[in-house]
């Protein structure tokens, strides 16, 4: 929602709708948001059951500045508006001025890739780094904002291109790195392209705790340099495309280069969930699925036998 919020605030006040309470399940979690601008709308809070009504309230809020607490489901003043899942949803709707200090801080922390805590009751709000201690007050809601997820893909063959393309479509800020590759970038919407050496690319991009690395090349030296850079970094996911029979020799070479066992332990090789597919986009689905499982700590990450 942060890019949508930045775009909306650039044109004037914005409306922000946040799920602050949820009962009996629901298609979206607590903290899910919608952003409304003068001529824009982004996000969703259900499967289409309540969005139009939320937008009507949000636009009224944008006009009069008065926050609202909307309830759908049990206890709602609008019994004709129901979620098909039967959930009870409470939503905070607030108006953000174009110069709102909390929104400014939220966007600045996102650019700096610093996790943040947003706290608001609709009238009073703060946004500070996660490391700061700002207690909530009665009636306020807090949610965490992590830096936007990133994906760095090394390689240039159809599998690497498929992984990069699906990563961008899945919401990752994606960069394809192909040292000494073609000058013209591949026609992949939303994918940045670099053709400098591994060290230069990694130094410019930066590998932090919200960055996944997929090594999908067929150049053993480039792959090795990429692993040397990625494995000791803060990147929580590092995957390597390649035959299992060659993995032992590649690990031995990494050990000889000084990579510690605890860093080697996070390497996913062969890359991706074991879905059985070999075609480029089948591998891409397996890779993006594995990265998402790693982010959420899912049992799908059990090692392949």
C-alpha atoms as a PDB file:
ATOM      1  CA  UNK A   1       0.000   0.000   0.000  1.00  0.00           C
ATOM      2  CA  UNK A   2       2.940   2.344   0.452  1.00  0.00           C
ATOM      3  CA  UNK A   3       3.464   3.107  -3.261  1.00  0.00           C
ATOM      4  CA  UNK A   4      -0.283   3.693  -3.636  1.00  0.00           C
ATOM      5  CA  UNK A   5      -0.255   5.962  -0.592  1.00  0.00           C
ATOM      6  CA  UNK A   6       2.669   7.972  -1.967  1.00  0.00           C
ATOM      7  CA  UNK A   7       0.886   8.429  -5.298  1.00  0.00           C
ATOM      8  CA  UNK A   8      -2.365   9.442  -3.618  1.00  0.00           C
ATOM      9  CA  UNK A   9      -0.737  11.969  -1.279  1.00  0.00           C
ATOM     10  CA  UNK A  10       1.110  13.542  -4.191  1.00  0.00           C
ATOM     11  CA  UNK A  11      -2.295  14.660  -5.487  1.00  0.00           C
ATOM     12  CA  UNK A  12      -3.898  15.722  -2.209  1.00  0.00           C
ATOM     13  CA  UNK A  13      -5.483  14.117   0.848  1.00  0.00           C
ATOM     14  CA  UNK A  14      -5.852  10.334   0.974  1.00  0.00           C
ATOM     15  CA  UNK A  15      -8.196   7.944   2.707  1.00  0.00           C
ATOM     16  CA  UNK A  16      -6.766   4.933   4.550  1.00  0.00           C
ATOM     17  CA  UNK A  17      -8.949   1.995   5.570  1.00  0.00           C
ATOM     18  CA  UNK A  18      -7.416  -0.640   7.878  1.00  0.00           C
ATOM     19  CA  UNK A  19      -8.838  -3.869   9.265  1.00  0.00           C
ATOM     20  CA  UNK A  20      -8.318  -3.457  13.032  1.00  0.00           C
ATOM     21  CA  UNK A  21     -10.352  -6.413  14.288  1.00  0.00           C
ATOM     22  CA  UNK A  22     -11.510  -9.686  12.788  1.00  0.00           C
ATOM     23  CA  UNK A  23     -13.815 -12.408  14.012  1.00  0.00           C
ATOM     24  CA  UNK A  24     -14.698 -15.836  12.595  1.00  0.00           C
ATOM     25  CA  UNK A  25     -11.997 -15.853   9.957  1.00  0.00           C
ATOM     26  CA  UNK A  26     -12.083 -13.652   6.883  1.00  0.00           C
ATOM     27  CA  UNK A  27     -10.279 -13.465   3.556  1.00  0.00           C
ATOM     28  CA  UNK A  28      -7.859 -10.737   4.674  1.00  0.00           C
ATOM     29  CA  UNK A  29      -5.868 -10.476   7.942  1.00  0.00           C
ATOM     30  CA  UNK A  30      -5.872  -7.781  10.603  1.00  0.00           C
ATOM     31  CA  UNK A  31      -3.752  -4.920   9.270  1.00  0.00           C
ATOM     32  CA  UNK A  32      -4.883  -5.286   5.643  1.00  0.00           C
ATOM     33  CA  UNK A  33      -5.465  -1.885   4.072  1.00  0.00           C
ATOM     34  CA  UNK A  34      -7.021   0.048   1.227  1.00  0.00           C
ATOM     35  CA  UNK A  35      -5.826   3.442   0.013  1.00  0.00           C
ATOM     36  CA  UNK A  36      -8.051   6.003  -1.687  1.00  0.00           C
ATOM     37  CA  UNK A  37      -6.790   9.022  -3.599  1.00  0.00           C
ATOM     38  CA  UNK A  38      -8.560  11.776  -5.473  1.00  0.00           C
ATOM     39  CA  UNK A  39      -8.920   9.509  -8.510  1.00  0.00           C
ATOM     40  CA  UNK A  40      -7.480   6.230  -7.295  1.00  0.00           C
ATOM     41  CA  UNK A  41      -8.223   3.143  -5.258  1.00  0.00           C
ATOM     42  CA  UNK A  42      -5.830   0.371  -4.256  1.00  0.00           C
ATOM     43  CA  UNK A  43      -6.016  -2.791  -2.180  1.00  0.00           C
ATOM     44  CA  UNK A  44      -8.874  -4.966  -0.968  1.00  0.00           C
ATOM     45  CA  UNK A  45     -10.364  -5.989   2.368  1.00  0.00           C
ATOM     46  CA  UNK A  46     -12.629  -8.880   1.382  1.00  0.00           C
ATOM     47  CA  UNK A  47     -13.622 -10.855  -1.673  1.00  0.00           C
ATOM     48  CA  UNK A  48     -15.574  -7.872  -2.995  1.00  0.00           C
ATOM     49  CA  UNK A  49     -18.325  -7.911  -0.355  1.00  0.00           C
ATOM     50  CA  UNK A  50     -17.590  -4.601   1.367  1.00  0.00           C
ATOM     51  CA  UNK A  51     -15.112  -2.620  -0.753  1.00  0.00           C
ATOM     52  CA  UNK A  52     -17.678  -0.373  -2.444  1.00  0.00           C
ATOM     53  CA  UNK A  53     -19.258   0.580   0.881  1.00  0.00           C
ATOM     54  CA  UNK A  54     -15.860   1.164   2.503  1.00  0.00           C
ATOM     55  CA  UNK A  55     -14.918   3.441  -0.387  1.00  0.00           C
ATOM     56  CA  UNK A  56     -18.101   5.496   0.077  1.00  0.00           C
ATOM     57  CA  UNK A  57     -17.287   6.022   3.761  1.00  0.00           C
ATOM     58  CA  UNK A  58     -13.636   6.749   2.987  1.00  0.00           C
ATOM     59  CA  UNK A  59     -14.484   9.449   0.468  1.00  0.00           C
ATOM     60  CA  UNK A  60     -16.863  11.065   2.942  1.00  0.00           C
ATOM     61  CA  UNK A  61     -14.059  10.925   5.526  1.00  0.00           C
ATOM     62  CA  UNK A  62     -11.666  12.537   3.047  1.00  0.00           C
ATOM     63  CA  UNK A  63     -14.154  15.382   2.653  1.00  0.00           C
ATOM     64  CA  UNK A  64     -15.051  16.044   6.311  1.00  0.00           C
ATOM     65  CA  UNK A  65     -11.886  14.748   8.042  1.00  0.00           C
ATOM     66  CA  UNK A  66     -13.827  12.728  10.611  1.00  0.00           C
ATOM     67  CA  UNK A  67     -12.526   9.159  11.146  1.00  0.00           C
ATOM     68  CA  UNK A  68     -14.924   6.250  11.140  1.00  0.00           C
ATOM     69  CA  UNK A  69     -15.089   2.778  12.675  1.00  0.00           C
ATOM     70  CA  UNK A  70     -16.997   0.503  10.341  1.00  0.00           C
ATOM     71  CA  UNK A  71     -18.343  -2.887  11.400  1.00  0.00           C
ATOM     72  CA  UNK A  72     -19.529  -5.552   8.966  1.00  0.00           C
ATOM     73  CA  UNK A  73     -21.044  -8.834  10.068  1.00  0.00           C
ATOM     74  CA  UNK A  74     -22.281  -9.428  13.616  1.00  0.00           C
ATOM     75  CA  UNK A  75     -23.276  -6.152  15.266  1.00  0.00           C
ATOM     76  CA  UNK A  76     -23.154  -4.167  12.035  1.00  0.00           C
ATOM     77  CA  UNK A  77     -25.603  -1.306  11.490  1.00  0.00           C
ATOM     78  CA  UNK A  78     -25.794  -2.472   7.863  1.00  0.00           C
ATOM     79  CA  UNK A  79     -27.211  -6.015   8.090  1.00  0.00           C
ATOM     80  CA  UNK A  80     -27.762  -6.086   4.336  1.00  0.00           C
ATOM     81  CA  UNK A  81     -23.984  -6.022   3.753  1.00  0.00           C
ATOM     82  CA  UNK A  82     -22.598  -9.448   4.592  1.00  0.00           C
ATOM     83  CA  UNK A  83     -19.370 -11.266   3.932  1.00  0.00           C
ATOM     84  CA  UNK A  84     -19.970 -14.641   2.331  1.00  0.00           C
ATOM     85  CA  UNK A  85     -17.442 -16.196   4.748  1.00  0.00           C
ATOM     86  CA  UNK A  86     -19.529 -15.050   7.718  1.00  0.00           C
ATOM     87  CA  UNK A  87     -16.718 -13.006   9.228  1.00  0.00           C
ATOM     88  CA  UNK A  88     -17.074  -9.963  11.458  1.00  0.00           C
ATOM     89  CA  UNK A  89     -14.758  -7.167  10.316  1.00  0.00           C
ATOM     90  CA  UNK A  90     -14.010  -3.857  12.013  1.00  0.00           C
ATOM     91  CA  UNK A  91     -12.335  -1.196   9.888  1.00  0.00           C
ATOM     92  CA  UNK A  92     -10.736   2.112  10.820  1.00  0.00           C
ATOM     93  CA  UNK A  93     -11.127   4.771   8.134  1.00  0.00           C
ATOM     94  CA  UNK A  94      -8.992   7.892   8.423  1.00  0.00           C
ATOM     95  CA  UNK A  95      -8.035  10.930   6.373  1.00  0.00           C
ATOM     96  CA  UNK A  96      -4.376  11.669   5.734  1.00  0.00           C
ATOM     97  CA  UNK A  97      -3.427  15.170   4.650  1.00  0.00           C
ATOM     98  CA  UNK A  98      -0.877  15.474   1.883  1.00  0.00           C
ATOM     99  CA  UNK A  99       1.675  16.691   4.460  1.00  0.00           C
ATOM    100  CA  UNK A 100       0.780  14.136   7.160  1.00  0.00           C
ATOM    101  CA  UNK A 101       3.908  13.618   9.302  1.00  0.00           C
ATOM    102  CA  UNK A 102       3.259   9.942  10.073  1.00  0.00           C
ATOM    103  CA  UNK A 103       2.712   9.125   6.410  1.00  0.00           C
ATOM    104  CA  UNK A 104       5.868  11.028   5.502  1.00  0.00           C
ATOM    105  CA  UNK A 105       7.837   9.038   8.087  1.00  0.00           C
ATOM    106  CA  UNK A 106       6.324   5.759   6.881  1.00  0.00           C
ATOM    107  CA  UNK A 107       7.407   6.401   3.297  1.00  0.00           C
ATOM    108  CA  UNK A 108      10.866   7.618   4.357  1.00  0.00           C
ATOM    109  CA  UNK A 109      11.453   4.484   6.444  1.00  0.00           C
ATOM    110  CA  UNK A 110      10.355   2.322   3.512  1.00  0.00           C
ATOM    111  CA  UNK A 111      12.867   4.056   1.234  1.00  0.00           C
ATOM    112  CA  UNK A 112      15.572   3.498   3.854  1.00  0.00           C
ATOM    113  CA  UNK A 113      14.467  -0.154   4.230  1.00  0.00           C
ATOM    114  CA  UNK A 114      13.904   0.195   7.963  1.00  0.00           C
ATOM    115  CA  UNK A 115      11.042  -1.736   9.621  1.00  0.00           C
ATOM    116  CA  UNK A 116       8.451   0.585  11.119  1.00  0.00           C
ATOM    117  CA  UNK A 117       5.498   0.642  13.509  1.00  0.00           C
ATOM    118  CA  UNK A 118       2.401   2.627  12.513  1.00  0.00           C
ATOM    119  CA  UNK A 119       0.021   3.570  15.363  1.00  0.00           C
ATOM    120  CA  UNK A 120      -3.210   5.509  14.862  1.00  0.00           C
ATOM    121  CA  UNK A 121      -6.674   6.034  16.308  1.00  0.00           C
ATOM    122  CA  UNK A 122      -7.815   7.922  13.207  1.00  0.00           C
ATOM    123  CA  UNK A 123      -7.053  11.371  14.566  1.00  0.00           C
ATOM    124  CA  UNK A 124      -3.647  11.013  16.186  1.00  0.00           C
ATOM    125  CA  UNK A 125      -0.951   8.894  14.600  1.00  0.00           C
ATOM    126  CA  UNK A 126       2.760   8.116  14.724  1.00  0.00           C
ATOM    127  CA  UNK A 127       5.158   6.124  12.595  1.00  0.00           C
ATOM    128  CA  UNK A 128       8.565   5.287  14.043  1.00  0.00           C
ATOM    129  CA  UNK A 129      11.329   2.734  13.472  1.00  0.00           C
ATOM    130  CA  UNK A 130      10.588  -0.657  14.977  1.00  0.00           C
ATOM    131  CA  UNK A 131      13.531  -0.167  17.333  1.00  0.00           C
ATOM    132  CA  UNK A 132      11.855   2.834  18.965  1.00  0.00           C
ATOM    133  CA  UNK A 133       9.420   2.350  21.835  1.00  0.00           C
ATOM    134  CA  UNK A 134       6.176   4.274  21.391  1.00  0.00           C
ATOM    135  CA  UNK A 135       3.368   2.804  23.499  1.00  0.00           C
ATOM    136  CA  UNK A 136      -0.094   2.645  22.004  1.00  0.00           C
ATOM    137  CA  UNK A 137      -2.956   4.411  23.771  1.00  0.00           C
ATOM    138  CA  UNK A 138      -6.562   3.324  24.315  1.00  0.00           C
ATOM    139  CA  UNK A 139      -8.404   3.135  21.020  1.00  0.00           C
ATOM    140  CA  UNK A 140      -5.243   3.139  18.913  1.00  0.00           C
ATOM    141  CA  UNK A 141      -4.265   0.403  16.487  1.00  0.00           C
ATOM    142  CA  UNK A 142      -0.680  -0.568  15.680  1.00  0.00           C
ATOM    143  CA  UNK A 143       0.727  -2.534  12.790  1.00  0.00           C
ATOM    144  CA  UNK A 144       4.219  -3.330  11.625  1.00  0.00           C
ATOM    145  CA  UNK A 145       5.567  -2.390   8.206  1.00  0.00           C
ATOM    146  CA  UNK A 146       8.602  -4.329   7.003  1.00  0.00           C
ATOM    147  CA  UNK A 147      10.710  -3.072   4.084  1.00  0.00           C
ATOM    148  CA  UNK A 148       9.256  -4.087   0.710  1.00  0.00           C
ATOM    149  CA  UNK A 149      10.384  -7.616  -0.242  1.00  0.00           C
ATOM    150  CA  UNK A 150      13.087  -7.895  -2.898  1.00  0.00           C
ATOM    151  CA  UNK A 151      14.307 -10.640  -5.178  1.00  0.00           C
ATOM    152  CA  UNK A 152      17.694 -10.799  -6.889  1.00  0.00           C
ATOM    153  CA  UNK A 153      17.999 -13.330  -9.705  1.00  0.00           C
ATOM    154  CA  UNK A 154      21.368 -14.256 -11.197  1.00  0.00           C
ATOM    155  CA  UNK A 155      21.253 -15.696 -14.702  1.00  0.00           C
ATOM    156  CA  UNK A 156      19.927 -15.058 -18.168  1.00  0.00           C
ATOM    157  CA  UNK A 157      18.438 -18.288 -19.507  1.00  0.00           C
ATOM    158  CA  UNK A 158      14.657 -18.902 -19.794  1.00  0.00           C
ATOM    159  CA  UNK A 159      14.430 -20.255 -16.241  1.00  0.00           C
ATOM    160  CA  UNK A 160      16.101 -17.174 -14.742  1.00  0.00           C
ATOM    161  CA  UNK A 161      13.841 -14.917 -16.815  1.00  0.00           C
ATOM    162  CA  UNK A 162      10.764 -16.853 -15.686  1.00  0.00           C
ATOM    163  CA  UNK A 163      11.774 -16.606 -12.012  1.00  0.00           C
ATOM    164  CA  UNK A 164      12.393 -12.863 -12.335  1.00  0.00           C
ATOM    165  CA  UNK A 165       9.127 -12.285 -14.186  1.00  0.00           C
ATOM    166  CA  UNK A 166       7.019 -14.234 -11.695  1.00  0.00           C
ATOM    167  CA  UNK A 167       8.830 -12.560  -8.801  1.00  0.00           C
ATOM    168  CA  UNK A 168       7.867  -9.123 -10.087  1.00  0.00           C
ATOM    169  CA  UNK A 169       4.270 -10.256 -10.628  1.00  0.00           C
ATOM    170  CA  UNK A 170       4.222 -11.596  -7.062  1.00  0.00           C
ATOM    171  CA  UNK A 171       5.076  -8.222  -5.537  1.00  0.00           C
ATOM    172  CA  UNK A 172       8.849  -8.485  -5.169  1.00  0.00           C
ATOM    173  CA  UNK A 173      11.058  -5.588  -6.173  1.00  0.00           C
ATOM    174  CA  UNK A 174      13.036  -7.711  -8.611  1.00  0.00           C
ATOM    175  CA  UNK A 175      16.453  -7.299 -10.181  1.00  0.00           C
ATOM    176  CA  UNK A 176      17.932  -9.606 -12.807  1.00  0.00           C
ATOM    177  CA  UNK A 177      21.741  -9.706 -12.729  1.00  0.00           C
ATOM    178  CA  UNK A 178      23.558 -11.028 -15.770  1.00  0.00           C
ATOM    179  CA  UNK A 179      27.243 -10.049 -15.721  1.00  0.00           C
ATOM    180  CA  UNK A 180      28.409  -9.033 -19.198  1.00  0.00           C
ATOM    181  CA  UNK A 181      24.963  -9.805 -20.545  1.00  0.00           C
ATOM    182  CA  UNK A 182      23.291  -8.033 -23.484  1.00  0.00           C
ATOM    183  CA  UNK A 183      23.175  -4.264 -23.246  1.00  0.00           C
ATOM    184  CA  UNK A 184      19.426  -4.203 -23.861  1.00  0.00           C
ATOM    185  CA  UNK A 185      17.405  -5.460 -20.875  1.00  0.00           C
ATOM    186  CA  UNK A 186      15.008  -8.365 -21.396  1.00  0.00           C
ATOM    187  CA  UNK A 187      11.369  -7.327 -21.944  1.00  0.00           C
ATOM    188  CA  UNK A 188      10.201  -8.167 -18.431  1.00  0.00           C
ATOM    189  CA  UNK A 189       7.786  -5.606 -16.924  1.00  0.00           C
ATOM    190  CA  UNK A 190       8.746  -4.521 -13.437  1.00  0.00           C
ATOM    191  CA  UNK A 191      12.186  -6.183 -13.493  1.00  0.00           C
ATOM    192  CA  UNK A 192      15.340  -4.086 -13.125  1.00  0.00           C
ATOM    193  CA  UNK A 193      18.413  -5.243 -15.033  1.00  0.00           C
ATOM    194  CA  UNK A 194      22.112  -5.124 -14.245  1.00  0.00           C
ATOM    195  CA  UNK A 195      25.007  -6.433 -16.300  1.00  0.00           C
ATOM    196  CA  UNK A 196      27.912  -5.483 -14.043  1.00  0.00           C
ATOM    197  CA  UNK A 197      29.969  -8.019 -12.113  1.00  0.00           C
ATOM    198  CA  UNK A 198      28.534  -9.838  -9.103  1.00  0.00           C
ATOM    199  CA  UNK A 199      30.399  -7.763  -6.511  1.00  0.00           C
ATOM    200  CA  UNK A 200      29.306  -4.478  -8.057  1.00  0.00           C
ATOM    201  CA  UNK A 201      25.699  -5.564  -8.417  1.00  0.00           C
ATOM    202  CA  UNK A 202      25.468  -6.863  -4.849  1.00  0.00           C
ATOM    203  CA  UNK A 203      27.122  -3.755  -3.423  1.00  0.00           C
ATOM    204  CA  UNK A 204      24.627  -1.524  -5.226  1.00  0.00           C
ATOM    205  CA  UNK A 205      21.520  -3.576  -4.462  1.00  0.00           C
ATOM    206  CA  UNK A 206      22.390  -4.585  -0.896  1.00  0.00           C
ATOM    207  CA  UNK A 207      21.285  -7.920   0.548  1.00  0.00           C
ATOM    208  CA  UNK A 208      19.239  -7.403   3.698  1.00  0.00           C
ATOM    209  CA  UNK A 209      16.833  -9.512   5.738  1.00  0.00           C
ATOM    210  CA  UNK A 210      13.994  -8.830   3.286  1.00  0.00           C
ATOM    211  CA  UNK A 211      15.887  -9.869   0.150  1.00  0.00           C
ATOM    212  CA  UNK A 212      15.787 -13.323  -1.456  1.00  0.00           C
ATOM    213  CA  UNK A 213      18.499 -14.505  -3.852  1.00  0.00           C
ATOM    214  CA  UNK A 214      17.939 -17.024  -6.637  1.00  0.00           C
ATOM    215  CA  UNK A 215      21.110 -18.194  -8.401  1.00  0.00           C
ATOM    216  CA  UNK A 216      19.857 -19.543 -11.708  1.00  0.00           C
ATOM    217  CA  UNK A 217      22.797 -19.197 -14.055  1.00  0.00           C
ATOM    218  CA  UNK A 218      24.756 -21.716 -16.062  1.00  0.00           C
ATOM    219  CA  UNK A 219      28.116 -20.065 -15.502  1.00  0.00           C
ATOM    220  CA  UNK A 220      29.798 -21.892 -12.628  1.00  0.00           C
ATOM    221  CA  UNK A 221      32.093 -18.984 -11.779  1.00  0.00           C
ATOM    222  CA  UNK A 222      29.271 -16.423 -11.708  1.00  0.00           C
ATOM    223  CA  UNK A 223      27.179 -18.798  -9.616  1.00  0.00           C
ATOM    224  CA  UNK A 224      30.076 -19.290  -7.203  1.00  0.00           C
ATOM    225  CA  UNK A 225      30.672 -15.556  -6.819  1.00  0.00           C
ATOM    226  CA  UNK A 226      26.957 -14.993  -6.265  1.00  0.00           C
ATOM    227  CA  UNK A 227      26.897 -17.626  -3.512  1.00  0.00           C
ATOM    228  CA  UNK A 228      30.022 -16.164  -1.897  1.00  0.00           C
ATOM    229  CA  UNK A 229      28.216 -12.830  -1.679  1.00  0.00           C
ATOM    230  CA  UNK A 230      24.761 -14.084  -0.715  1.00  0.00           C
ATOM    231  CA  UNK A 231      25.332 -16.863   1.806  1.00  0.00           C
ATOM    232  CA  UNK A 232      27.107 -14.769   4.504  1.00  0.00           C
ATOM    233  CA  UNK A 233      24.693 -11.862   3.967  1.00  0.00           C
ATOM    234  CA  UNK A 234      21.491 -11.128   5.861  1.00  0.00           C
ATOM    235  CA  UNK A 235      19.401 -12.511   2.979  1.00  0.00           C
ATOM    236  CA  UNK A 236      17.238 -15.238   4.559  1.00  0.00           C
ATOM    237  CA  UNK A 237      16.743 -17.201   1.342  1.00  0.00           C
ATOM    238  CA  UNK A 238      19.460 -18.292  -1.092  1.00  0.00           C
ATOM    239  CA  UNK A 239      18.597 -20.872  -3.730  1.00  0.00           C
ATOM    240  CA  UNK A 240      20.820 -22.536  -6.318  1.00  0.00           C
ATOM    241  CA  UNK A 241      19.682 -24.064  -9.599  1.00  0.00           C
ATOM    242  CA  UNK A 242      21.674 -27.082 -10.690  1.00  0.00           C
ATOM    243  CA  UNK A 243      22.058 -30.838 -10.669  1.00  0.00           C
ATOM    244  CA  UNK A 244      22.116 -32.566  -7.283  1.00  0.00           C
ATOM    245  CA  UNK A 245      25.076 -34.740  -8.325  1.00  0.00           C
ATOM    246  CA  UNK A 246      27.291 -31.627  -8.589  1.00  0.00           C
ATOM    247  CA  UNK A 247      26.168 -30.102  -5.310  1.00  0.00           C
ATOM    248  CA  UNK A 248      28.822 -31.772  -3.133  1.00  0.00           C
ATOM    249  CA  UNK A 249      31.706 -30.356  -5.150  1.00  0.00           C
ATOM    250  CA  UNK A 250      30.136 -26.887  -5.149  1.00  0.00           C
ATOM    251  CA  UNK A 251      29.681 -26.971  -1.380  1.00  0.00           C
ATOM    252  CA  UNK A 252      33.293 -28.099  -0.900  1.00  0.00           C
ATOM    253  CA  UNK A 253      34.469 -25.168  -2.992  1.00  0.00           C
ATOM    254  CA  UNK A 254      32.417 -22.778  -0.873  1.00  0.00           C
ATOM    255  CA  UNK A 255      33.863 -24.236   2.316  1.00  0.00           C
ATOM    256  CA  UNK A 256      37.357 -23.864   0.927  1.00  0.00           C
ATOM    257  CA  UNK A 257      36.573 -20.213   0.219  1.00  0.00           C
ATOM    258  CA  UNK A 258      35.696 -19.689   3.887  1.00  0.00           C
ATOM    259  CA  UNK A 259      31.885 -19.988   3.933  1.00  0.00           C
ATOM    260  CA  UNK A 260      30.822 -21.181   7.388  1.00  0.00           C
ATOM    261  CA  UNK A 261      28.586 -24.203   7.908  1.00  0.00           C
ATOM    262  CA  UNK A 262      25.787 -22.106   9.437  1.00  0.00           C
ATOM    263  CA  UNK A 263      25.720 -20.005   6.264  1.00  0.00           C
ATOM    264  CA  UNK A 264      25.777 -23.079   4.018  1.00  0.00           C
ATOM    265  CA  UNK A 265      22.812 -24.463   5.977  1.00  0.00           C
ATOM    266  CA  UNK A 266      20.454 -21.858   4.521  1.00  0.00           C
ATOM    267  CA  UNK A 267      21.255 -22.780   0.907  1.00  0.00           C
ATOM    268  CA  UNK A 268      18.274 -24.281  -0.912  1.00  0.00           C
ATOM    269  CA  UNK A 269      19.705 -26.638  -3.507  1.00  0.00           C
ATOM    270  CA  UNK A 270      18.225 -27.836  -5.741  1.00  0.00           C
ATOM    271  CA  UNK A 271      16.271 -24.606  -5.762  1.00  0.00           C
ATOM    272  CA  UNK A 272      12.505 -24.532  -5.281  1.00  0.00           C
ATOM    273  CA  UNK A 273       9.783 -26.711  -3.812  1.00  0.00           C
ATOM    274  CA  UNK A 274       9.651 -30.236  -5.204  1.00  0.00           C
ATOM    275  CA  UNK A 275       6.658 -29.810  -7.516  1.00  0.00           C
ATOM    276  CA  UNK A 276       7.977 -32.131 -10.211  1.00  0.00           C
ATOM    277  CA  UNK A 277       8.022 -29.615 -13.058  1.00  0.00           C
ATOM    278  CA  UNK A 278      11.070 -28.805 -15.184  1.00  0.00           C
ATOM    279  CA  UNK A 279       9.774 -26.177 -17.604  1.00  0.00           C
ATOM    280  CA  UNK A 280      10.925 -22.584 -16.872  1.00  0.00           C
ATOM    281  CA  UNK A 281       7.655 -21.338 -15.419  1.00  0.00           C
ATOM    282  CA  UNK A 282       7.129 -24.558 -13.494  1.00  0.00           C
ATOM    283  CA  UNK A 283      10.504 -24.003 -11.855  1.00  0.00           C
ATOM    284  CA  UNK A 284       9.601 -20.348 -11.288  1.00  0.00           C
ATOM    285  CA  UNK A 285       6.417 -21.329  -9.435  1.00  0.00           C
ATOM    286  CA  UNK A 286       8.472 -23.717  -7.276  1.00  0.00           C
ATOM    287  CA  UNK A 287      11.053 -21.014  -6.504  1.00  0.00           C
ATOM    288  CA  UNK A 288       8.607 -18.223  -5.671  1.00  0.00           C
ATOM    289  CA  UNK A 289       6.564 -20.678  -3.599  1.00  0.00           C
ATOM    290  CA  UNK A 290       9.659 -21.667  -1.635  1.00  0.00           C
ATOM    291  CA  UNK A 291      10.607 -18.031  -1.023  1.00  0.00           C
ATOM    292  CA  UNK A 292       7.111 -17.300   0.273  1.00  0.00           C
ATOM    293  CA  UNK A 293       7.235 -20.397   2.494  1.00  0.00           C
ATOM    294  CA  UNK A 294      10.554 -19.186   3.897  1.00  0.00           C
ATOM    295  CA  UNK A 295       9.052 -15.776   4.680  1.00  0.00           C
ATOM    296  CA  UNK A 296       6.154 -17.338   6.564  1.00  0.00           C
ATOM    297  CA  UNK A 297       7.950 -20.280   8.177  1.00  0.00           C
ATOM    298  CA  UNK A 298       5.782 -22.888   6.510  1.00  0.00           C
ATOM    299  CA  UNK A 299       6.371 -26.669   6.744  1.00  0.00           C
ATOM    300  CA  UNK A 300       6.690 -26.835   2.965  1.00  0.00           C
ATOM    301  CA  UNK A 301      10.337 -26.006   3.583  1.00  0.00           C
ATOM    302  CA  UNK A 302      11.136 -29.574   4.663  1.00  0.00           C
ATOM    303  CA  UNK A 303      14.301 -30.609   2.901  1.00  0.00           C
ATOM    304  CA  UNK A 304      14.047 -32.771  -0.169  1.00  0.00           C
ATOM    305  CA  UNK A 305      15.203 -36.341   0.481  1.00  0.00           C
END
